Amino acid sequence: MEAKKKGKYWTAFYDPETNRYFAEIMYISREGMEDYKYEITQEIFDKLGSFDDDSDNEELIRTGETTYSFANTMYGTLGPERLVWNEEANEAMEKAEKKNR
């Protein structure tokens, strides 16, 4: 089984040690940065990469559980905004990301 999938703005991977699936969508431009992390299901992971339009992959990822979000754009009125939606899942994803680099 493929353990990592990647699109233009998204990356998804499987962590065999925890038997969990994670995904990240990140946009970086001259306007700033947005970073969203999700815990996804195997079903979502299996479908990723099967769409002609990469935005469809991003929409599928967004159906998973949001674990972390960060936005720092020139359009924000309060400056950078960082939210951890699920601390345990976010920490598990960070550990798995370090192993997958």
Protein backbone atom coordinates (compact mmCIF):
# COMPACT_ATOMS: atom_id res chain seq x y z
CA MET A 1 0.00 0.00 0.00
CA GLU A 2 1.14 3.50 -0.82
CA ALA A 3 2.02 5.34 2.42
CA LYS A 4 2.21 8.90 1.06
CA LYS A 5 0.31 10.88 -1.57
CA LYS A 6 0.96 14.42 -2.72
CA GLY A 7 -0.79 17.07 -4.77
CA LYS A 8 -0.02 20.67 -5.58
CA TYR A 9 -1.10 22.05 -2.19
CA TRP A 10 -1.81 18.91 -0.18
CA THR A 11 0.04 15.95 1.29
CA ALA A 12 -1.50 12.85 2.87
CA PHE A 13 0.13 9.90 4.55
CA TYR A 14 -0.50 6.74 6.51
CA ASP A 15 1.25 6.04 9.82
CA PRO A 16 1.56 2.25 10.21
CA GLU A 17 2.64 2.53 13.87
CA THR A 18 -0.67 4.10 14.89
CA ASN A 19 -2.77 2.84 11.96
CA ARG A 20 -3.96 6.41 11.31
CA TYR A 21 -4.22 8.62 8.24
CA PHE A 22 -3.39 12.32 8.14
CA ALA A 23 -3.45 15.10 5.55
CA GLU A 24 -2.29 18.68 5.26
CA ILE A 25 -3.34 21.47 2.94
CA MET A 26 -0.93 24.40 2.76
CA TYR A 27 -1.08 27.57 0.68
CA ILE A 28 1.89 29.94 0.56
CA SER A 29 1.80 33.07 -1.55
CA ARG A 30 2.85 36.68 -1.42
CA GLU A 31 -0.38 37.38 0.49
CA GLY A 32 0.67 35.07 3.34
CA MET A 33 0.26 31.47 4.47
CA GLU A 34 -2.58 29.13 5.37
CA ASP A 35 -1.99 25.66 6.83
CA TYR A 36 -4.71 23.12 7.64
CA LYS A 37 -4.18 19.63 9.09
CA TYR A 38 -6.70 16.80 9.18
CA GLU A 39 -7.10 13.28 10.44
CA ILE A 40 -8.69 11.38 7.57
CA THR A 41 -10.07 7.90 7.06
CA GLN A 42 -8.59 5.13 4.95
CA GLU A 43 -11.47 5.59 2.53
CA ILE A 44 -10.55 9.25 2.00
CA PHE A 45 -6.85 8.36 1.66
CA ASP A 46 -7.60 5.67 -0.92
CA LYS A 47 -9.58 8.13 -3.10
CA LEU A 48 -6.95 10.88 -3.01
CA GLY A 49 -5.20 11.45 -6.31
CA SER A 50 -8.04 9.95 -8.35
CA PHE A 51 -9.52 13.28 -9.43
CA ASP A 52 -8.55 15.29 -12.51
CA ASP A 53 -8.93 18.58 -10.65
CA ASP A 54 -6.66 18.83 -7.60
CA SER A 55 -9.18 21.04 -5.79
CA ASP A 56 -11.45 17.98 -5.64
CA ASN A 57 -8.75 16.22 -3.61
CA GLU A 58 -8.63 19.19 -1.25
CA GLU A 59 -12.41 19.14 -0.84
CA LEU A 60 -12.25 15.43 -0.01
CA ILE A 61 -9.54 16.05 2.60
CA ARG A 62 -11.71 18.73 4.20
CA THR A 63 -14.35 16.08 4.95
CA GLY A 64 -11.94 14.66 7.54
CA GLU A 65 -11.55 15.91 11.10
CA THR A 66 -9.72 19.24 11.38
CA THR A 67 -6.88 18.95 13.89
CA TYR A 68 -5.00 22.23 13.32
CA SER A 69 -5.33 25.48 11.39
CA PHE A 70 -3.06 28.46 10.91
CA ALA A 71 -3.71 31.57 8.86
CA ASN A 72 -1.41 34.56 8.47
CA THR A 73 -2.53 36.57 5.48
CA MET A 74 -2.54 40.23 4.60
CA TYR A 75 -6.34 40.05 4.61
CA GLY A 76 -6.59 39.08 8.28
CA THR A 77 -7.63 41.84 10.64
CA LEU A 78 -6.15 40.39 13.81
CA GLY A 79 -2.87 39.04 12.47
CA PRO A 80 -1.84 35.39 12.63
CA GLU A 81 -4.46 32.99 13.88
CA ARG A 82 -3.52 29.50 15.11
CA LEU A 83 -6.07 27.01 16.39
CA VAL A 84 -5.50 23.46 17.59
CA TRP A 85 -8.79 21.63 17.16
CA ASN A 86 -7.65 18.23 18.46
CA GLU A 87 -4.45 18.28 20.53
CA GLU A 88 -3.96 14.50 20.63
CA ALA A 89 -4.44 14.02 16.88
CA ASN A 90 -2.25 17.03 16.09
CA GLU A 91 0.59 15.64 18.22
CA ALA A 92 0.21 12.18 16.63
CA MET A 93 0.40 13.77 13.17
CA GLU A 94 3.51 15.78 14.07
CA LYS A 95 5.27 12.62 15.29
CA ALA A 96 4.26 10.71 12.15
CA GLU A 97 5.38 13.60 9.91
CA LYS A 98 8.85 13.53 11.43
CA LYS A 99 9.12 9.81 10.64
CA ASN A 100 7.93 10.35 7.03
CA ARG A 101 10.41 13.07 6.06
